[in-house]
Amino acid sequence: MALILRIRADGTQSYEPVVRYDSAQGRFFPVTIDLGSETDQVFLILFGTGIRHRLTLSGVRVNVGGPVGGVDLEVMYAGPQLQFEGVDQINVRMPRSLIGKGDANITLMVDGAILINQAYVVIK
């Protein structure tokens, strides 16, 4: 599960989906992430389990695009998601250098262990 958090220059915050469900086809499809204007701050928020027990914040690594030519994202937070018991959350900043990336794999590693290696996003 994931969401986008967009913070505009005036401080307005909005959450945006990264997938949509097509009931006719019975499956999920990616929603293209638009990094917006230069004044927007865009964060990818990932949800999962097993993250709160990390040794250090620097031990959490999120890569978009793969090990060759991919981009390591700045991890801002990795720990418990405070609204849902047992769910963890990772907040990463989406840099403008990702504009035009298109389909991009996401890899999540915590203390050297791969937790996600089959997810992807679409970046406009």
PDB file of N, CA and C in Angstrom:
ATOM      1  N   MET A   1       0.852  -1.177   0.000  1.00  0.00           N
ATOM      2  CA  MET A   1       0.000   0.000   0.000  1.00  0.00           C
ATOM      3  C   MET A   1       0.889   1.229   0.000  1.00  0.00           C
ATOM      4  N   ALA A   2       0.466   2.243  -0.691  1.00  0.00           N
ATOM      5  CA  ALA A   2       1.229   3.484  -0.767  1.00  0.00           C
ATOM      6  C   ALA A   2       0.299   4.644  -1.086  1.00  0.00           C
ATOM      7  N   LEU A   3       0.755   5.837  -0.760  1.00  0.00           N
ATOM      8  CA  LEU A   3       0.067   7.082  -1.063  1.00  0.00           C
ATOM      9  C   LEU A   3       1.093   8.136  -1.435  1.00  0.00           C
ATOM     10  N   ILE A   4       0.622   9.189  -2.059  1.00  0.00           N
ATOM     11  CA  ILE A   4       1.445  10.369  -2.290  1.00  0.00           C
ATOM     12  C   ILE A   4       0.933  11.463  -1.349  1.00  0.00           C
ATOM     13  N   LEU A   5       1.853  12.161  -0.693  1.00  0.00           N
ATOM     14  CA  LEU A   5       1.524  13.363   0.062  1.00  0.00           C
ATOM     15  C   LEU A   5       2.143  14.525  -0.682  1.00  0.00           C
ATOM     16  N   ARG A   6       1.296  15.487  -1.075  1.00  0.00           N
ATOM     17  CA  ARG A   6       1.767  16.675  -1.780  1.00  0.00           C
ATOM     18  C   ARG A   6       1.608  17.867  -0.844  1.00  0.00           C
ATOM     19  N   ILE A   7       2.708  18.625  -0.678  1.00  0.00           N
ATOM     20  CA  ILE A   7       2.663  19.851   0.108  1.00  0.00           C
ATOM     21  C   ILE A   7       2.976  20.998  -0.838  1.00  0.00           C
ATOM     22  N   ARG A   8       2.022  21.885  -1.001  1.00  0.00           N
ATOM     23  CA  ARG A   8       2.182  23.037  -1.896  1.00  0.00           C
ATOM     24  C   ARG A   8       2.873  24.188  -1.171  1.00  0.00           C
ATOM     25  N   ALA A   9       3.336  25.169  -1.928  1.00  0.00           N
ATOM     26  CA  ALA A   9       4.086  26.296  -1.371  1.00  0.00           C
ATOM     27  C   ALA A   9       3.314  27.030  -0.280  1.00  0.00           C
ATOM     28  N   ASP A  10       1.974  27.047  -0.375  1.00  0.00           N
ATOM     29  CA  ASP A  10       1.162  27.741   0.629  1.00  0.00           C
ATOM     30  C   ASP A  10       0.895  26.885   1.863  1.00  0.00           C
ATOM     31  N   GLY A  11       1.492  25.673   1.901  1.00  0.00           N
ATOM     32  CA  GLY A  11       1.331  24.783   3.048  1.00  0.00           C
ATOM     33  C   GLY A  11       0.172  23.814   2.928  1.00  0.00           C
ATOM     34  N   THR A  12      -0.642  23.947   1.879  1.00  0.00           N
ATOM     35  CA  THR A  12      -1.764  23.045   1.660  1.00  0.00           C
ATOM     36  C   THR A  12      -1.244  21.626   1.430  1.00  0.00           C
ATOM     37  N   GLN A  13      -1.846  20.663   2.115  1.00  0.00           N
ATOM     38  CA  GLN A  13      -1.458  19.260   1.957  1.00  0.00           C
ATOM     39  C   GLN A  13      -2.603  18.474   1.337  1.00  0.00           C
ATOM     40  N   SER A  14      -2.262  17.550   0.454  1.00  0.00           N
ATOM     41  CA  SER A  14      -3.272  16.658  -0.119  1.00  0.00           C
ATOM     42  C   SER A  14      -2.657  15.273  -0.293  1.00  0.00           C
ATOM     43  N   TYR A  15      -3.505  14.274  -0.135  1.00  0.00           N
ATOM     44  CA  TYR A  15      -3.094  12.889  -0.348  1.00  0.00           C
ATOM     45  C   TYR A  15      -3.645  12.414  -1.679  1.00  0.00           C
ATOM     46  N   GLU A  16      -2.838  11.649  -2.409  1.00  0.00           N
ATOM     47  CA  GLU A  16      -3.222  11.170  -3.726  1.00  0.00           C
ATOM     48  C   GLU A  16      -2.924   9.681  -3.818  1.00  0.00           C
ATOM     49  N   PRO A  17      -3.771   8.939  -4.511  1.00  0.00           N
ATOM     50  CA  PRO A  17      -3.533   7.499  -4.656  1.00  0.00           C
ATOM     51  C   PRO A  17      -2.398   7.219  -5.641  1.00  0.00           C
ATOM     52  N   VAL A  18      -1.773   6.070  -5.509  1.00  0.00           N
ATOM     53  CA  VAL A  18      -0.790   5.624  -6.498  1.00  0.00           C
ATOM     54  C   VAL A  18      -1.326   4.428  -7.297  1.00  0.00           C
ATOM     55  N   VAL A  19      -2.509   3.942  -6.889  1.00  0.00           N
ATOM     56  CA  VAL A  19      -3.199   2.884  -7.642  1.00  0.00           C
ATOM     57  C   VAL A  19      -4.685   3.179  -7.658  1.00  0.00           C
ATOM     58  N   ARG A  20      -5.363   2.614  -8.640  1.00  0.00           N
ATOM     59  CA  ARG A  20      -6.820   2.681  -8.697  1.00  0.00           C
ATOM     60  C   ARG A  20      -7.336   1.280  -8.996  1.00  0.00           C
ATOM     61  N   TYR A  21      -8.497   0.975  -8.470  1.00  0.00           N
ATOM     62  CA  TYR A  21      -9.098  -0.338  -8.692  1.00  0.00           C
ATOM     63  C   TYR A  21     -10.117  -0.243  -9.819  1.00  0.00           C
ATOM     64  N   ASP A  22      -9.972  -1.108 -10.807  1.00  0.00           N
ATOM     65  CA  ASP A  22     -10.927  -1.196 -11.909  1.00  0.00           C
ATOM     66  C   ASP A  22     -11.823  -2.402 -11.618  1.00  0.00           C
ATOM     67  N   SER A  23     -13.060  -2.115 -11.187  1.00  0.00           N
ATOM     68  CA  SER A  23     -13.962  -3.205 -10.796  1.00  0.00           C
ATOM     69  C   SER A  23     -14.363  -4.077 -11.985  1.00  0.00           C
ATOM     70  N   ALA A  24     -14.417  -3.508 -13.181  1.00  0.00           N
ATOM     71  CA  ALA A  24     -14.778  -4.291 -14.365  1.00  0.00           C
ATOM     72  C   ALA A  24     -13.729  -5.354 -14.659  1.00  0.00           C
ATOM     73  N   GLN A  25     -12.448  -5.012 -14.437  1.00  0.00           N
ATOM     74  CA  GLN A  25     -11.369  -5.963 -14.692  1.00  0.00           C
ATOM     75  C   GLN A  25     -10.945  -6.708 -13.430  1.00  0.00           C
ATOM     76  N   GLY A  26     -11.403  -6.218 -12.283  1.00  0.00           N
ATOM     77  CA  GLY A  26     -11.083  -6.897 -11.031  1.00  0.00           C
ATOM     78  C   GLY A  26      -9.616  -6.799 -10.646  1.00  0.00           C
ATOM     79  N   ARG A  27      -8.978  -5.674 -10.982  1.00  0.00           N
ATOM     80  CA  ARG A  27      -7.565  -5.533 -10.638  1.00  0.00           C
ATOM     81  C   ARG A  27      -7.185  -4.067 -10.430  1.00  0.00           C
ATOM     82  N   PHE A  28      -6.006  -3.885  -9.851  1.00  0.00           N
ATOM     83  CA  PHE A  28      -5.472  -2.555  -9.593  1.00  0.00           C
ATOM     84  C   PHE A  28      -4.570  -2.113 -10.735  1.00  0.00           C
ATOM     85  N   PHE A  29      -4.572  -0.798 -10.995  1.00  0.00           N
ATOM     86  CA  PHE A  29      -3.709  -0.193 -12.001  1.00  0.00           C
ATOM     87  C   PHE A  29      -2.984   0.996 -11.381  1.00  0.00           C
ATOM     88  N   PRO A  30      -1.759   1.263 -11.818  1.00  0.00           N
ATOM     89  CA  PRO A  30      -1.029   2.410 -11.257  1.00  0.00           C
ATOM     90  C   PRO A  30      -1.624   3.733 -11.710  1.00  0.00           C
ATOM     91  N   VAL A  31      -1.553   4.717 -10.830  1.00  0.00           N
ATOM     92  CA  VAL A  31      -1.921   6.094 -11.146  1.00  0.00           C
ATOM     93  C   VAL A  31      -0.617   6.848 -11.355  1.00  0.00           C
ATOM     94  N   THR A  32      -0.501   7.561 -12.457  1.00  0.00           N
ATOM     95  CA  THR A  32       0.729   8.296 -12.752  1.00  0.00           C
ATOM     96  C   THR A  32       0.958   9.377 -11.706  1.00  0.00           C
ATOM     97  N   ILE A  33       2.176   9.406 -11.171  1.00  0.00           N
ATOM     98  CA  ILE A  33       2.558  10.410 -10.180  1.00  0.00           C
ATOM     99  C   ILE A  33       3.085  11.631 -10.916  1.00  0.00           C
ATOM    100  N   ASP A  34       2.436  12.756 -10.686  1.00  0.00           N
ATOM    101  CA  ASP A  34       2.865  14.023 -11.262  1.00  0.00           C
ATOM    102  C   ASP A  34       3.598  14.788 -10.160  1.00  0.00           C
ATOM    103  N   LEU A  35       4.868  15.080 -10.364  1.00  0.00           N
ATOM    104  CA  LEU A  35       5.646  15.771  -9.341  1.00  0.00           C
ATOM    105  C   LEU A  35       5.314  17.251  -9.256  1.00  0.00           C
ATOM    106  N   GLY A  36       4.455  17.739 -10.136  1.00  0.00           N
ATOM    107  CA  GLY A  36       3.908  19.079 -10.022  1.00  0.00           C
ATOM    108  C   GLY A  36       4.906  20.189 -10.262  1.00  0.00           C
ATOM    109  N   SER A  37       4.579  21.341  -9.689  1.00  0.00           N
ATOM    110  CA  SER A  37       5.431  22.519  -9.894  1.00  0.00           C
ATOM    111  C   SER A  37       6.686  22.431  -9.028  1.00  0.00           C
ATOM    112  N   GLU A  38       7.636  23.277  -9.329  1.00  0.00           N
ATOM    113  CA  GLU A  38       8.906  23.281  -8.600  1.00  0.00           C
ATOM    114  C   GLU A  38       8.726  23.608  -7.127  1.00  0.00           C
ATOM    115  N   THR A  39       7.635  24.249  -6.777  1.00  0.00           N
ATOM    116  CA  THR A  39       7.414  24.608  -5.377  1.00  0.00           C
ATOM    117  C   THR A  39       6.718  23.502  -4.585  1.00  0.00           C
ATOM    118  N   ASP A  40       6.210  22.479  -5.269  1.00  0.00           N
ATOM    119  CA  ASP A  40       5.577  21.352  -4.573  1.00  0.00           C
ATOM    120  C   ASP A  40       6.636  20.459  -3.944  1.00  0.00           C
ATOM    121  N   GLN A  41       6.339  19.977  -2.747  1.00  0.00           N
ATOM    122  CA  GLN A  41       7.121  18.894  -2.152  1.00  0.00           C
ATOM    123  C   GLN A  41       6.248  17.649  -2.264  1.00  0.00           C
ATOM    124  N   VAL A  42       6.813  16.570  -2.802  1.00  0.00           N
ATOM    125  CA  VAL A  42       6.047  15.349  -3.013  1.00  0.00           C
ATOM    126  C   VAL A  42       6.737  14.211  -2.273  1.00  0.00           C
ATOM    127  N   PHE A  43       5.932  13.487  -1.467  1.00  0.00           N
ATOM    128  CA  PHE A  43       6.450  12.386  -0.671  1.00  0.00           C
ATOM    129  C   PHE A  43       5.695  11.114  -1.032  1.00  0.00           C
ATOM    130  N   LEU A  44       6.427  10.023  -1.177  1.00  0.00           N
ATOM    131  CA  LEU A  44       5.833   8.705  -1.340  1.00  0.00           C
ATOM    132  C   LEU A  44       5.760   8.102   0.060  1.00  0.00           C
ATOM    133  N   ILE A  45       4.564   7.698   0.459  1.00  0.00           N
ATOM    134  CA  ILE A  45       4.365   7.097   1.774  1.00  0.00           C
ATOM    135  C   ILE A  45       4.059   5.623   1.553  1.00  0.00           C
ATOM    136  N   LEU A  46       4.927   4.782   2.072  1.00  0.00           N
ATOM    137  CA  LEU A  46       4.795   3.335   1.939  1.00  0.00           C
ATOM    138  C   LEU A  46       4.343   2.740   3.268  1.00  0.00           C
ATOM    139  N   PHE A  47       3.532   1.698   3.201  1.00  0.00           N
ATOM    140  CA  PHE A  47       3.049   1.029   4.402  1.00  0.00           C
ATOM    141  C   PHE A  47       3.447  -0.441   4.338  1.00  0.00           C
ATOM    142  N   GLY A  48       3.768  -1.003   5.486  1.00  0.00           N
ATOM    143  CA  GLY A  48       4.148  -2.410   5.543  1.00  0.00           C
ATOM    144  C   GLY A  48       4.338  -2.848   6.984  1.00  0.00           C
ATOM    145  N   THR A  49       5.100  -3.914   7.158  1.00  0.00           N
ATOM    146  CA  THR A  49       5.415  -4.406   8.494  1.00  0.00           C
ATOM    147  C   THR A  49       6.909  -4.722   8.555  1.00  0.00           C
ATOM    148  N   GLY A  50       7.433  -4.805   9.776  1.00  0.00           N
ATOM    149  CA  GLY A  50       8.827  -5.167   9.975  1.00  0.00           C
ATOM    150  C   GLY A  50       9.791  -4.006   9.864  1.00  0.00           C
ATOM    151  N   ILE A  51       9.273  -2.799   9.748  1.00  0.00           N
ATOM    152  CA  ILE A  51      10.124  -1.632   9.546  1.00  0.00           C
ATOM    153  C   ILE A  51      10.490  -0.977  10.867  1.00  0.00           C
ATOM    154  N   ARG A  52       9.596  -1.009  11.840  1.00  0.00           N
ATOM    155  CA  ARG A  52       9.814  -0.330  13.119  1.00  0.00           C
ATOM    156  C   ARG A  52      11.008  -0.896  13.890  1.00  0.00           C
ATOM    157  N   HIS A  53      11.427  -2.084  13.566  1.00  0.00           N
ATOM    158  CA  HIS A  53      12.536  -2.709  14.292  1.00  0.00           C
ATOM    159  C   HIS A  53      13.891  -2.451  13.633  1.00  0.00           C
ATOM    160  N   ARG A  54      13.932  -1.508  12.720  1.00  0.00           N
ATOM    161  CA  ARG A  54      15.189  -1.157  12.059  1.00  0.00           C
ATOM    162  C   ARG A  54      16.213  -0.742  13.096  1.00  0.00           C
ATOM    163  N   LEU A  55      17.488  -0.913  12.761  1.00  0.00           N
ATOM    164  CA  LEU A  55      18.550  -0.510  13.674  1.00  0.00           C
ATOM    165  C   LEU A  55      18.754   0.997  13.663  1.00  0.00           C
ATOM    166  N   THR A  56      18.788   1.591  12.461  1.00  0.00           N
ATOM    167  CA  THR A  56      18.954   3.037  12.322  1.00  0.00           C
ATOM    168  C   THR A  56      18.122   3.503  11.132  1.00  0.00           C
ATOM    169  N   LEU A  57      17.820   4.795  11.082  1.00  0.00           N
ATOM    170  CA  LEU A  57      17.098   5.338   9.934  1.00  0.00           C
ATOM    171  C   LEU A  57      17.917   5.159   8.659  1.00  0.00           C
ATOM    172  N   SER A  58      19.235   5.295   8.767  1.00  0.00           N
ATOM    173  CA  SER A  58      20.084   5.126   7.581  1.00  0.00           C
ATOM    174  C   SER A  58      20.092   3.681   7.081  1.00  0.00           C
ATOM    175  N   GLY A  59      19.585   2.747   7.887  1.00  0.00           N
ATOM    176  CA  GLY A  59      19.475   1.356   7.459  1.00  0.00           C
ATOM    177  C   GLY A  59      18.267   1.084   6.593  1.00  0.00           C
ATOM    178  N   VAL A  60      17.446   2.116   6.382  1.00  0.00           N
ATOM    179  CA  VAL A  60      16.258   1.993   5.531  1.00  0.00           C
ATOM    180  C   VAL A  60      16.586   2.638   4.196  1.00  0.00           C
ATOM    181  N   ARG A  61      16.449   1.864   3.139  1.00  0.00           N
ATOM    182  CA  ARG A  61      16.801   2.346   1.799  1.00  0.00           C
ATOM    183  C   ARG A  61      15.637   2.088   0.853  1.00  0.00           C
ATOM    184  N   VAL A  62      15.209   3.147   0.158  1.00  0.00           N
ATOM    185  CA  VAL A  62      14.170   3.024  -0.862  1.00  0.00           C
ATOM    186  C   VAL A  62      14.780   3.486  -2.172  1.00  0.00           C
ATOM    187  N   ASN A  63      14.753   2.598  -3.170  1.00  0.00           N
ATOM    188  CA  ASN A  63      15.332   2.902  -4.474  1.00  0.00           C
ATOM    189  C   ASN A  63      14.227   2.837  -5.514  1.00  0.00           C
ATOM    190  N   VAL A  64      14.214   3.825  -6.414  1.00  0.00           N
ATOM    191  CA  VAL A  64      13.269   3.845  -7.527  1.00  0.00           C
ATOM    192  C   VAL A  64      14.062   3.683  -8.810  1.00  0.00           C
ATOM    193  N   GLY A  65      13.745   2.664  -9.572  1.00  0.00           N
ATOM    194  CA  GLY A  65      14.378   2.491 -10.870  1.00  0.00           C
ATOM    195  C   GLY A  65      15.385   1.373 -10.953  1.00  0.00           C
ATOM    196  N   GLY A  66      15.721   0.751  -9.836  1.00  0.00           N
ATOM    197  CA  GLY A  66      16.628  -0.384  -9.868  1.00  0.00           C
ATOM    198  C   GLY A  66      18.057  -0.037  -9.514  1.00  0.00           C
ATOM    199  N   PRO A  67      18.861  -1.055  -9.268  1.00  0.00           N
ATOM    200  CA  PRO A  67      20.230  -0.850  -8.804  1.00  0.00           C
ATOM    201  C   PRO A  67      21.134  -0.154  -9.817  1.00  0.00           C
ATOM    202  N   VAL A  68      20.848  -0.308 -11.108  1.00  0.00           N
ATOM    203  CA  VAL A  68      21.634   0.375 -12.133  1.00  0.00           C
ATOM    204  C   VAL A  68      20.786   1.505 -12.697  1.00  0.00           C
ATOM    205  N   GLY A  69      21.198   2.720 -12.495  1.00  0.00           N
ATOM    206  CA  GLY A  69      20.446   3.866 -12.992  1.00  0.00           C
ATOM    207  C   GLY A  69      19.286   4.278 -12.114  1.00  0.00           C
ATOM    208  N   GLY A  70      19.113   3.608 -10.977  1.00  0.00           N
ATOM    209  CA  GLY A  70      18.038   3.962 -10.062  1.00  0.00           C
ATOM    210  C   GLY A  70      18.434   5.125  -9.171  1.00  0.00           C
ATOM    211  N   VAL A  71      17.465   5.604  -8.423  1.00  0.00           N
ATOM    212  CA  VAL A  71      17.678   6.739  -7.541  1.00  0.00           C
ATOM    213  C   VAL A  71      17.315   6.322  -6.123  1.00  0.00           C
ATOM    214  N   ASP A  72      18.235   6.506  -5.179  1.00  0.00           N
ATOM    215  CA  ASP A  72      17.922   6.301  -3.772  1.00  0.00           C
ATOM    216  C   ASP A  72      17.168   7.524  -3.276  1.00  0.00           C
ATOM    217  N   LEU A  73      16.013   7.303  -2.678  1.00  0.00           N
ATOM    218  CA  LEU A  73      15.187   8.397  -2.195  1.00  0.00           C
ATOM    219  C   LEU A  73      15.563   8.739  -0.758  1.00  0.00           C
ATOM    220  N   GLU A  74      15.374  10.004  -0.395  1.00  0.00           N
ATOM    221  CA  GLU A  74      15.671  10.452   0.962  1.00  0.00           C
ATOM    222  C   GLU A  74      14.574   9.953   1.900  1.00  0.00           C
ATOM    223  N   VAL A  75      14.965   9.102   2.849  1.00  0.00           N
ATOM    224  CA  VAL A  75      14.022   8.565   3.824  1.00  0.00           C
ATOM    225  C   VAL A  75      13.877   9.586   4.946  1.00  0.00           C
ATOM    226  N   MET A  76      12.657  10.092   5.117  1.00  0.00           N
ATOM    227  CA  MET A  76      12.381  11.104   6.126  1.00  0.00           C
ATOM    228  C   MET A  76      11.889  10.486   7.433  1.00  0.00           C
ATOM    229  N   TYR A  77      11.206   9.352   7.327  1.00  0.00           N
ATOM    230  CA  TYR A  77      10.645   8.678   8.504  1.00  0.00           C
ATOM    231  C   TYR A  77      10.503   7.206   8.186  1.00  0.00           C
ATOM    232  N   ALA A  78      10.762   6.365   9.170  1.00  0.00           N
ATOM    233  CA  ALA A  78      10.521   4.927   9.055  1.00  0.00           C
ATOM    234  C   ALA A  78      10.222   4.410  10.456  1.00  0.00           C
ATOM    235  N   GLY A  79       8.979   4.021  10.678  1.00  0.00           N
ATOM    236  CA  GLY A  79       8.583   3.547  11.998  1.00  0.00           C
ATOM    237  C   GLY A  79       7.107   3.235  12.044  1.00  0.00           C
ATOM    238  N   PRO A  80       6.551   3.173  13.243  1.00  0.00           N
ATOM    239  CA  PRO A  80       5.131   2.824  13.377  1.00  0.00           C
ATOM    240  C   PRO A  80       4.222   3.834  12.699  1.00  0.00           C
ATOM    241  N   GLN A  81       3.165   3.329  12.087  1.00  0.00           N
ATOM    242  CA  GLN A  81       2.096   4.167  11.559  1.00  0.00           C
ATOM    243  C   GLN A  81       1.132   4.295  12.736  1.00  0.00           C
ATOM    244  N   LEU A  82       0.913   5.486  13.209  1.00  0.00           N
ATOM    245  CA  LEU A  82       0.285   5.687  14.506  1.00  0.00           C
ATOM    246  C   LEU A  82      -1.230   5.496  14.545  1.00  0.00           C
ATOM    247  N   GLN A  83      -1.887   5.307  13.402  1.00  0.00           N
ATOM    248  CA  GLN A  83      -3.338   5.125  13.402  1.00  0.00           C
ATOM    249  C   GLN A  83      -3.766   3.663  13.362  1.00  0.00           C
ATOM    250  N   PHE A  84      -2.910   2.786  12.836  1.00  0.00           N
ATOM    251  CA  PHE A  84      -3.288   1.387  12.671  1.00  0.00           C
ATOM    252  C   PHE A  84      -2.270   0.499  13.378  1.00  0.00           C
ATOM    253  N   GLU A  85      -2.705  -0.213  14.374  1.00  0.00           N
ATOM    254  CA  GLU A  85      -1.850  -1.076  15.181  1.00  0.00           C
ATOM    255  C   GLU A  85      -1.135  -2.102  14.303  1.00  0.00           C
ATOM    256  N   GLY A  86       0.180  -2.183  14.459  1.00  0.00           N
ATOM    257  CA  GLY A  86       0.972  -3.185  13.753  1.00  0.00           C
ATOM    258  C   GLY A  86       1.426  -2.783  12.361  1.00  0.00           C
ATOM    259  N   VAL A  87       0.963  -1.644  11.867  1.00  0.00           N
ATOM    260  CA  VAL A  87       1.351  -1.189  10.531  1.00  0.00           C
ATOM    261  C   VAL A  87       2.498  -0.194  10.667  1.00  0.00           C
ATOM    262  N   ASP A  88       3.495  -0.314   9.800  1.00  0.00           N
ATOM    263  CA  ASP A  88       4.630   0.601   9.773  1.00  0.00           C
ATOM    264  C   ASP A  88       4.524   1.503   8.549  1.00  0.00           C
ATOM    265  N   GLN A  89       5.252   2.615   8.604  1.00  0.00           N
ATOM    266  CA  GLN A  89       5.185   3.622   7.542  1.00  0.00           C
ATOM    267  C   GLN A  89       6.584   4.124   7.228  1.00  0.00           C
ATOM    268  N   ILE A  90       6.824   4.368   5.939  1.00  0.00           N
ATOM    269  CA  ILE A  90       8.065   5.001   5.485  1.00  0.00           C
ATOM    270  C   ILE A  90       7.675   6.197   4.628  1.00  0.00           C
ATOM    271  N   ASN A  91       8.239   7.354   4.938  1.00  0.00           N
ATOM    272  CA  ASN A  91       8.021   8.563   4.142  1.00  0.00           C
ATOM    273  C   ASN A  91       9.312   8.883   3.412  1.00  0.00           C
ATOM    274  N   VAL A  92       9.241   9.000   2.090  1.00  0.00           N
ATOM    275  CA  VAL A  92      10.418   9.349   1.294  1.00  0.00           C
ATOM    276  C   VAL A  92      10.097  10.533   0.396  1.00  0.00           C
ATOM    277  N   ARG A  93      11.069  11.408   0.239  1.00  0.00           N
ATOM    278  CA  ARG A  93      10.911  12.572  -0.641  1.00  0.00           C
ATOM    279  C   ARG A  93      11.135  12.140  -2.080  1.00  0.00           C
ATOM    280  N   MET A  94      10.258  12.595  -2.979  1.00  0.00           N
ATOM    281  CA  MET A  94      10.379  12.299  -4.407  1.00  0.00           C
ATOM    282  C   MET A  94      11.100  13.477  -5.067  1.00  0.00           C
ATOM    283  N   PRO A  95      12.355  13.307  -5.480  1.00  0.00           N
ATOM    284  CA  PRO A  95      13.088  14.420  -6.078  1.00  0.00           C
ATOM    285  C   PRO A  95      12.613  14.711  -7.503  1.00  0.00           C
ATOM    286  N   ARG A  96      12.790  15.933  -7.921  1.00  0.00           N
ATOM    287  CA  ARG A  96      12.383  16.355  -9.261  1.00  0.00           C
ATOM    288  C   ARG A  96      13.190  15.656 -10.351  1.00  0.00           C
ATOM    289  N   SER A  97      14.330  15.097  -9.991  1.00  0.00           N
ATOM    290  CA  SER A  97      15.133  14.365 -10.971  1.00  0.00           C
ATOM    291  C   SER A  97      14.394  13.131 -11.498  1.00  0.00           C
ATOM    292  N   LEU A  98      13.308  12.732 -10.850  1.00  0.00           N
ATOM    293  CA  LEU A  98      12.525  11.579 -11.303  1.00  0.00           C
ATOM    294  C   LEU A  98      11.538  11.927 -12.416  1.00  0.00           C
ATOM    295  N   ILE A  99      11.358  13.210 -12.714  1.00  0.00           N
ATOM    296  CA  ILE A  99      10.411  13.600 -13.763  1.00  0.00           C
ATOM    297  C   ILE A  99      10.761  12.884 -15.072  1.00  0.00           C
ATOM    298  N   GLY A 100       9.741  12.270 -15.668  1.00  0.00           N
ATOM    299  CA  GLY A 100       9.926  11.551 -16.930  1.00  0.00           C
ATOM    300  C   GLY A 100      10.396  10.121 -16.766  1.00  0.00           C
ATOM    301  N   LYS A 101      10.533   9.643 -15.549  1.00  0.00           N
ATOM    302  CA  LYS A 101      11.054   8.288 -15.299  1.00  0.00           C
ATOM    303  C   LYS A 101      10.130   7.205 -15.859  1.00  0.00           C
ATOM    304  N   GLY A 102       8.813   7.479 -15.893  1.00  0.00           N
ATOM    305  CA  GLY A 102       7.879   6.463 -16.388  1.00  0.00           C
ATOM    306  C   GLY A 102       7.729   5.325 -15.400  1.00  0.00           C
ATOM    307  N   ASP A 103       7.595   4.092 -15.928  1.00  0.00           N
ATOM    308  CA  ASP A 103       7.482   2.915 -15.051  1.00  0.00           C
ATOM    309  C   ASP A 103       8.805   2.715 -14.324  1.00  0.00           C
ATOM    310  N   ALA A 104       8.728   2.607 -12.994  1.00  0.00           N
ATOM    311  CA  ALA A 104       9.954   2.455 -12.210  1.00  0.00           C
ATOM    312  C   ALA A 104       9.724   1.480 -11.062  1.00  0.00           C
ATOM    313  N   ASN A 105      10.604   0.497 -10.964  1.00  0.00           N
ATOM    314  CA  ASN A 105      10.543  -0.453  -9.856  1.00  0.00           C
ATOM    315  C   ASN A 105      10.892   0.246  -8.547  1.00  0.00           C
ATOM    316  N   ILE A 106      10.300  -0.236  -7.465  1.00  0.00           N
ATOM    317  CA  ILE A 106      10.633   0.247  -6.127  1.00  0.00           C
ATOM    318  C   ILE A 106      11.248  -0.913  -5.371  1.00  0.00           C
ATOM    319  N   THR A 107      12.394  -0.652  -4.759  1.00  0.00           N
ATOM    320  CA  THR A 107      13.023  -1.630  -3.880  1.00  0.00           C
ATOM    321  C   THR A 107      13.133  -1.016  -2.496  1.00  0.00           C
ATOM    322  N   LEU A 108      12.676  -1.747  -1.494  1.00  0.00           N
ATOM    323  CA  LEU A 108      12.773  -1.314  -0.103  1.00  0.00           C
ATOM    324  C   LEU A 108      13.663  -2.297   0.629  1.00  0.00           C
ATOM    325  N   MET A 109      14.715  -1.759   1.239  1.00  0.00           N
ATOM    326  CA  MET A 109      15.611  -2.591   2.048  1.00  0.00           C
ATOM    327  C   MET A 109      15.660  -2.019   3.455  1.00  0.00           C
ATOM    328  N   VAL A 110      15.610  -2.896   4.442  1.00  0.00           N
ATOM    329  CA  VAL A 110      15.749  -2.502   5.842  1.00  0.00           C
ATOM    330  C   VAL A 110      16.854  -3.347   6.448  1.00  0.00           C
ATOM    331  N   ASP A 111      17.902  -2.675   6.906  1.00  0.00           N
ATOM    332  CA  ASP A 111      19.064  -3.343   7.499  1.00  0.00           C
ATOM    333  C   ASP A 111      19.595  -4.461   6.606  1.00  0.00           C
ATOM    334  N   GLY A 112      19.617  -4.214   5.300  1.00  0.00           N
ATOM    335  CA  GLY A 112      20.186  -5.147   4.333  1.00  0.00           C
ATOM    336  C   GLY A 112      19.224  -6.196   3.804  1.00  0.00           C
ATOM    337  N   ALA A 113      18.027  -6.308   4.383  1.00  0.00           N
ATOM    338  CA  ALA A 113      17.045  -7.290   3.924  1.00  0.00           C
ATOM    339  C   ALA A 113      16.056  -6.613   2.983  1.00  0.00           C
ATOM    340  N   ILE A 114      15.799  -7.242   1.848  1.00  0.00           N
ATOM    341  CA  ILE A 114      14.834  -6.702   0.892  1.00  0.00           C
ATOM    342  C   ILE A 114      13.429  -7.011   1.385  1.00  0.00           C
ATOM    343  N   LEU A 115      12.622  -5.965   1.584  1.00  0.00           N
ATOM    344  CA  LEU A 115      11.228  -6.140   2.001  1.00  0.00           C
ATOM    345  C   LEU A 115      10.266  -5.996   0.829  1.00  0.00           C
ATOM    346  N   ILE A 116      10.600  -5.141  -0.132  1.00  0.00           N
ATOM    347  CA  ILE A 116       9.776  -4.980  -1.339  1.00  0.00           C
ATOM    348  C   ILE A 116      10.708  -5.052  -2.536  1.00  0.00           C
ATOM    349  N   ASN A 117      10.389  -5.909  -3.488  1.00  0.00           N
ATOM    350  CA  ASN A 117      11.175  -5.923  -4.718  1.00  0.00           C
ATOM    351  C   ASN A 117      10.308  -6.153  -5.950  1.00  0.00           C
ATOM    352  N   GLN A 118       8.993  -6.129  -5.766  1.00  0.00           N
ATOM    353  CA  GLN A 118       8.107  -6.366  -6.906  1.00  0.00           C
ATOM    354  C   GLN A 118       7.106  -5.238  -7.105  1.00  0.00           C
ATOM    355  N   ALA A 119       7.308  -4.105  -6.465  1.00  0.00           N
ATOM    356  CA  ALA A 119       6.388  -2.975  -6.604  1.00  0.00           C
ATOM    357  C   ALA A 119       6.926  -1.994  -7.641  1.00  0.00           C
ATOM    358  N   TYR A 120       6.022  -1.221  -8.230  1.00  0.00           N
ATOM    359  CA  TYR A 120       6.483  -0.170  -9.136  1.00  0.00           C
ATOM    360  C   TYR A 120       5.513   0.989  -9.135  1.00  0.00           C
ATOM    361  N   VAL A 121       6.004   2.123  -9.560  1.00  0.00           N
ATOM    362  CA  VAL A 121       5.208   3.332  -9.712  1.00  0.00           C
ATOM    363  C   VAL A 121       5.405   3.857 -11.130  1.00  0.00           C
ATOM    364  N   VAL A 122       4.518   4.773 -11.526  1.00  0.00           N
ATOM    365  CA  VAL A 122       4.652   5.431 -12.821  1.00  0.00           C
ATOM    366  C   VAL A 122       4.806   6.919 -12.542  1.00  0.00           C
ATOM    367  N   ILE A 123       5.908   7.506 -13.040  1.00  0.00           N
ATOM    368  CA  ILE A 123       6.210   8.901 -12.757  1.00  0.00           C
ATOM    369  C   ILE A 123       6.161   9.695 -14.060  1.00  0.00           C
ATOM    370  N   LYS A 124       5.342  10.741 -14.044  1.00  0.00           N
ATOM    371  CA  LYS A 124       5.174  11.603 -15.216  1.00  0.00           C
ATOM    372  C   LYS A 124       6.410  12.469 -15.417  1.00  0.00           C
TER     373      LYS A 124
END
